[in-house]
């Protein structure tokens, strides 16, 4: 066991925890263990399962739905949306949650959030519509440099041909986003899933009548926000003020 632990970069206690299922190994560690133990691919076969299992269940479920989406409507009013976040912004944001995550839990949450961004690499990619409240561009989560790099990243993502990014100025007081975040995912078979902080107890909904409510609210928010071109200028100005 000491030799295996050393080769994998784990302590012996960690190896024992993996053996009894108390900890999940890194997928690359399985690949290395397969070579060391001459398992002929039997351990390597579990790599994808381990890669998924490392992420919290709710993250895996959300990633699965995002992976099936052909269109995403995403309104955020407190923080930058998870799919737009840089790794350092996500880590700083998750550190503010209470009760606080342990170091391992924090890294699992960050890794899960970053893994979701693979949806941008799909071919064909979904159509994305993001609307961000102005306050999310100004709250210095982490510190000013973290926010600066976050805004720069958003400007890069906004250049993708399948992404539409808009900003809702704080001065737009009367819009239906005051109830909280809105998320609508639409699938190729015509069905969808939606969620909002304000209704349905915050639970995911899929009934057409409920989705129409969220579609209506998002449509009004989208119409009242700055245009994509105006929004890029706005983000650039916010970046210049940091």
Protein backbone atom coordinates (compact mmCIF):
# COMPACT_ATOMS: atom_id res chain seq x y z
CA UNK A 1 0.00 0.00 0.00
CA UNK A 2 2.75 2.56 0.74
CA UNK A 3 4.17 2.15 -2.78
CA UNK A 4 0.74 2.57 -4.39
CA UNK A 5 -0.04 5.59 -2.25
CA UNK A 6 3.25 7.23 -3.17
CA UNK A 7 2.77 6.52 -6.88
CA UNK A 8 -0.71 8.06 -6.84
CA UNK A 9 0.26 11.04 -4.72
CA UNK A 10 -2.10 9.98 -1.95
CA UNK A 11 -1.45 9.19 1.69
CA UNK A 12 -2.06 5.67 2.99
CA UNK A 13 -5.09 6.90 4.93
CA UNK A 14 -6.58 8.25 1.72
CA UNK A 15 -6.05 4.90 -0.02
CA UNK A 16 -7.89 3.14 2.81
CA UNK A 17 -10.79 5.62 2.52
CA UNK A 18 -10.99 5.01 -1.24
CA UNK A 19 -10.99 1.26 -0.69
CA UNK A 20 -13.99 1.43 1.63
CA UNK A 21 -15.82 3.97 -0.53
CA UNK A 22 -15.48 6.92 1.85
CA UNK A 23 -13.61 9.05 -0.71
CA UNK A 24 -13.80 9.30 -4.49
CA UNK A 25 -10.47 9.11 -6.36
CA UNK A 26 -9.47 11.50 -9.11
CA UNK A 27 -10.17 9.94 -12.54
CA UNK A 28 -6.50 10.31 -13.49
CA UNK A 29 -5.56 8.40 -10.33
CA UNK A 30 -7.63 5.46 -11.55
CA UNK A 31 -5.74 5.50 -14.82
CA UNK A 32 -2.42 5.43 -12.98
CA UNK A 33 -3.60 2.70 -10.59
CA UNK A 34 -4.71 0.60 -13.57
CA UNK A 35 -1.17 0.73 -14.93
CA UNK A 36 0.53 0.05 -11.59
CA UNK A 37 -1.73 -2.85 -10.64
CA UNK A 38 -1.81 -4.26 -14.19
CA UNK A 39 -5.61 -4.27 -14.08
CA UNK A 40 -5.86 -4.43 -17.89
CA UNK A 41 -8.34 -1.58 -18.14
CA UNK A 42 -10.76 -2.77 -15.46
CA UNK A 43 -10.06 0.23 -13.22
CA UNK A 44 -9.82 2.62 -16.14
CA UNK A 45 -13.37 1.63 -17.12
CA UNK A 46 -14.66 3.44 -14.05
CA UNK A 47 -13.02 6.77 -14.94
CA UNK A 48 -16.12 8.45 -16.37
CA UNK A 49 -18.27 7.27 -13.46
CA UNK A 50 -15.72 8.62 -10.99
CA UNK A 51 -15.48 11.89 -12.88
CA UNK A 52 -19.25 12.37 -12.49
CA UNK A 53 -19.38 11.08 -8.92
CA UNK A 54 -16.88 13.69 -7.74
CA UNK A 55 -19.51 16.38 -8.25
CA UNK A 56 -22.47 16.93 -5.89
CA UNK A 57 -25.70 15.23 -6.99
CA UNK A 58 -27.54 18.49 -7.66
CA UNK A 59 -24.66 19.67 -9.85
CA UNK A 60 -24.72 16.42 -11.85
CA UNK A 61 -28.48 16.74 -12.38
CA UNK A 62 -28.19 20.36 -13.52
CA UNK A 63 -25.28 19.55 -15.85
CA UNK A 64 -27.30 16.71 -17.38
CA UNK A 65 -30.22 19.03 -18.16
CA UNK A 66 -27.93 21.75 -19.50
CA UNK A 67 -26.28 19.11 -21.67
CA UNK A 68 -29.63 18.31 -23.30
CA UNK A 69 -30.69 21.92 -23.81
CA UNK A 70 -30.99 23.57 -27.20
CA UNK A 71 -31.81 26.98 -25.71
CA UNK A 72 -31.12 28.53 -22.31
CA UNK A 73 -32.72 31.68 -20.90
CA UNK A 74 -30.80 32.79 -17.80
CA UNK A 75 -31.52 35.84 -15.65
CA UNK A 76 -29.30 36.52 -12.61
CA UNK A 77 -29.84 39.29 -10.10
CA UNK A 78 -27.41 38.60 -7.22
CA UNK A 79 -24.25 37.11 -8.74
CA UNK A 80 -22.71 36.36 -12.12
CA UNK A 81 -24.38 33.25 -13.54
CA UNK A 82 -22.46 30.03 -12.89
CA UNK A 83 -21.89 29.34 -16.58
CA UNK A 84 -20.19 32.72 -16.93
CA UNK A 85 -18.01 32.47 -13.83
CA UNK A 86 -14.24 32.15 -13.81
CA UNK A 87 -12.78 29.56 -11.47
CA UNK A 88 -11.40 32.15 -9.06
CA UNK A 89 -14.69 34.06 -8.97
CA UNK A 90 -16.62 30.84 -8.31
CA UNK A 91 -14.25 29.86 -5.49
CA UNK A 92 -14.47 33.30 -3.87
CA UNK A 93 -18.26 33.31 -4.16
CA UNK A 94 -18.68 29.83 -2.71
CA UNK A 95 -16.49 30.81 0.23
CA UNK A 96 -19.17 33.30 1.27
CA UNK A 97 -21.82 30.62 1.75
CA UNK A 98 -22.87 29.60 5.27
CA UNK A 99 -22.48 27.14 6.79
CA UNK A 100 -19.03 27.17 5.25
CA UNK A 101 -17.89 24.34 2.99
CA UNK A 102 -14.93 22.24 4.04
CA UNK A 103 -11.86 22.52 1.81
CA UNK A 104 -12.78 19.29 0.01
CA UNK A 105 -16.42 20.31 -0.41
CA UNK A 106 -15.40 23.69 -1.76
CA UNK A 107 -13.13 22.17 -4.39
CA UNK A 108 -15.84 19.70 -5.41
CA UNK A 109 -18.32 22.54 -5.86
CA UNK A 110 -15.86 24.61 -7.88
CA UNK A 111 -14.90 21.62 -10.04
CA UNK A 112 -18.56 20.84 -10.67
CA UNK A 113 -19.31 24.40 -11.68
CA UNK A 114 -16.35 24.52 -14.06
CA UNK A 115 -17.29 21.14 -15.57
CA UNK A 116 -20.72 22.52 -16.50
CA UNK A 117 -19.04 25.01 -18.83
CA UNK A 118 -18.29 22.19 -21.26
CA UNK A 119 -21.77 22.93 -22.64
CA UNK A 120 -20.17 25.82 -24.56
CA UNK A 121 -18.07 23.26 -26.45
CA UNK A 122 -21.00 21.21 -27.74
CA UNK A 123 -21.58 21.03 -31.48
CA UNK A 124 -24.05 22.35 -32.23
CA UNK A 125 -24.01 24.50 -29.13
CA UNK A 126 -27.23 25.63 -27.44
CA UNK A 127 -28.44 29.18 -27.90
CA UNK A 128 -27.69 31.17 -24.74
CA UNK A 129 -29.43 34.31 -23.52
CA UNK A 130 -28.00 35.81 -20.34
CA UNK A 131 -29.39 38.87 -18.57
CA UNK A 132 -27.29 40.14 -15.68
CA UNK A 133 -28.37 42.81 -13.22
CA UNK A 134 -25.94 45.72 -13.07
CA UNK A 135 -25.14 45.07 -9.40
CA UNK A 136 -23.60 41.70 -10.30
CA UNK A 137 -21.00 43.51 -12.40
CA UNK A 138 -20.00 45.79 -9.54
CA UNK A 139 -19.94 43.56 -6.46
CA UNK A 140 -16.20 42.83 -5.91
CA UNK A 141 -16.51 39.14 -5.07
CA UNK A 142 -13.04 37.99 -4.01
CA UNK A 143 -11.40 41.33 -4.69
CA UNK A 144 -11.12 43.93 -7.42
CA UNK A 145 -8.71 41.87 -9.53
CA UNK A 146 -10.97 38.81 -9.35
CA UNK A 147 -13.86 40.96 -10.55
CA UNK A 148 -11.71 42.53 -13.27
CA UNK A 149 -10.78 39.11 -14.68
CA UNK A 150 -14.41 38.03 -14.37
CA UNK A 151 -15.64 40.96 -16.46
CA UNK A 152 -12.91 40.35 -19.04
CA UNK A 153 -14.05 36.73 -19.28
CA UNK A 154 -17.65 37.80 -19.81
CA UNK A 155 -16.59 40.02 -22.69
CA UNK A 156 -14.85 37.03 -24.26
CA UNK A 157 -17.85 34.72 -23.84
CA UNK A 158 -20.14 37.38 -25.31
CA UNK A 159 -18.20 37.13 -28.58
CA UNK A 160 -19.36 33.54 -29.14
CA UNK A 161 -21.92 33.46 -31.99
CA UNK A 162 -24.47 31.50 -29.95
CA UNK A 163 -24.30 33.75 -26.86
CA UNK A 164 -26.39 36.86 -26.24
CA UNK A 165 -25.38 38.75 -23.09
CA UNK A 166 -27.41 41.70 -21.79
CA UNK A 167 -27.24 43.96 -18.76
CA UNK A 168 -30.25 45.15 -16.80
CA UNK A 169 -29.42 48.63 -15.44
CA UNK A 170 -30.34 49.25 -11.81
CA UNK A 171 -32.35 52.26 -12.99
CA UNK A 172 -34.87 49.88 -14.62
CA UNK A 173 -36.94 49.57 -11.46
CA UNK A 174 -40.17 48.10 -12.81
CA UNK A 175 -39.50 44.70 -14.33
CA UNK A 176 -40.60 41.18 -13.35
CA UNK A 177 -37.13 40.06 -12.28
CA UNK A 178 -37.56 41.54 -8.82
CA UNK A 179 -38.76 38.14 -7.58
CA UNK A 180 -35.38 36.52 -8.15
CA UNK A 181 -33.41 34.46 -10.63
CA UNK A 182 -35.08 32.90 -13.65
CA UNK A 183 -33.82 29.90 -15.57
CA UNK A 184 -35.55 28.27 -18.55
CA UNK A 185 -33.97 25.34 -20.38
CA UNK A 186 -35.58 24.18 -23.63
CA UNK A 187 -35.00 20.73 -25.09
CA UNK A 188 -35.03 19.41 -28.66
CA UNK A 189 -38.31 17.51 -28.19
CA UNK A 190 -40.19 20.72 -27.38
CA UNK A 191 -40.27 20.17 -23.62
CA UNK A 192 -38.45 22.30 -21.08
CA UNK A 193 -37.54 22.91 -17.48
CA UNK A 194 -37.71 26.16 -15.58
CA UNK A 195 -36.98 27.55 -12.16
CA UNK A 196 -37.36 30.86 -10.36
CA UNK A 197 -36.70 32.04 -6.85
CA UNK A 198 -40.07 33.76 -6.62
CA UNK A 199 -42.59 31.00 -7.41
CA UNK A 200 -43.11 27.25 -7.34
CA UNK A 201 -41.19 27.04 -4.04
CA UNK A 202 -37.98 27.42 -6.04
CA UNK A 203 -38.38 23.89 -7.43
CA UNK A 204 -37.82 22.94 -11.10
CA UNK A 205 -41.04 22.95 -13.12
CA UNK A 206 -41.87 21.46 -16.50
CA UNK A 207 -45.62 21.93 -16.96
CA UNK A 208 -46.31 24.05 -20.08
CA UNK A 209 -48.47 26.50 -18.11
CA UNK A 210 -45.70 27.15 -15.59
CA UNK A 211 -43.08 27.46 -18.33
CA UNK A 212 -45.25 30.06 -20.10
CA UNK A 213 -45.18 32.16 -16.94
CA UNK A 214 -41.38 32.07 -16.85
CA UNK A 215 -41.14 32.67 -20.61
CA UNK A 216 -43.35 35.74 -20.24
CA UNK A 217 -41.30 37.18 -17.40
CA UNK A 218 -38.02 36.51 -19.15
CA UNK A 219 -39.28 38.05 -22.38
CA UNK A 220 -40.16 41.29 -20.59
CA UNK A 221 -36.80 41.33 -18.77
CA UNK A 222 -34.96 40.75 -22.02
CA UNK A 223 -36.85 43.56 -23.74
CA UNK A 224 -36.18 46.05 -20.92
CA UNK A 225 -32.47 45.26 -20.62
CA UNK A 226 -29.75 46.99 -22.64
CA UNK A 227 -29.19 45.55 -26.10
CA UNK A 228 -26.25 43.13 -26.46
CA UNK A 229 -24.18 45.87 -28.10
CA UNK A 230 -25.03 48.41 -25.39
CA UNK A 231 -24.32 45.78 -22.75
CA UNK A 232 -20.79 45.15 -24.01
CA UNK A 233 -20.08 48.86 -23.84
CA UNK A 234 -21.54 48.95 -20.33
CA UNK A 235 -19.32 46.06 -19.17
CA UNK A 236 -16.26 47.69 -20.72
CA UNK A 237 -17.07 50.92 -18.86
CA UNK A 238 -17.51 49.01 -15.57
CA UNK A 239 -14.17 47.34 -16.22
CA UNK A 240 -12.52 50.72 -16.81
CA UNK A 241 -13.83 51.98 -13.47
CA UNK A 242 -12.06 49.23 -11.49
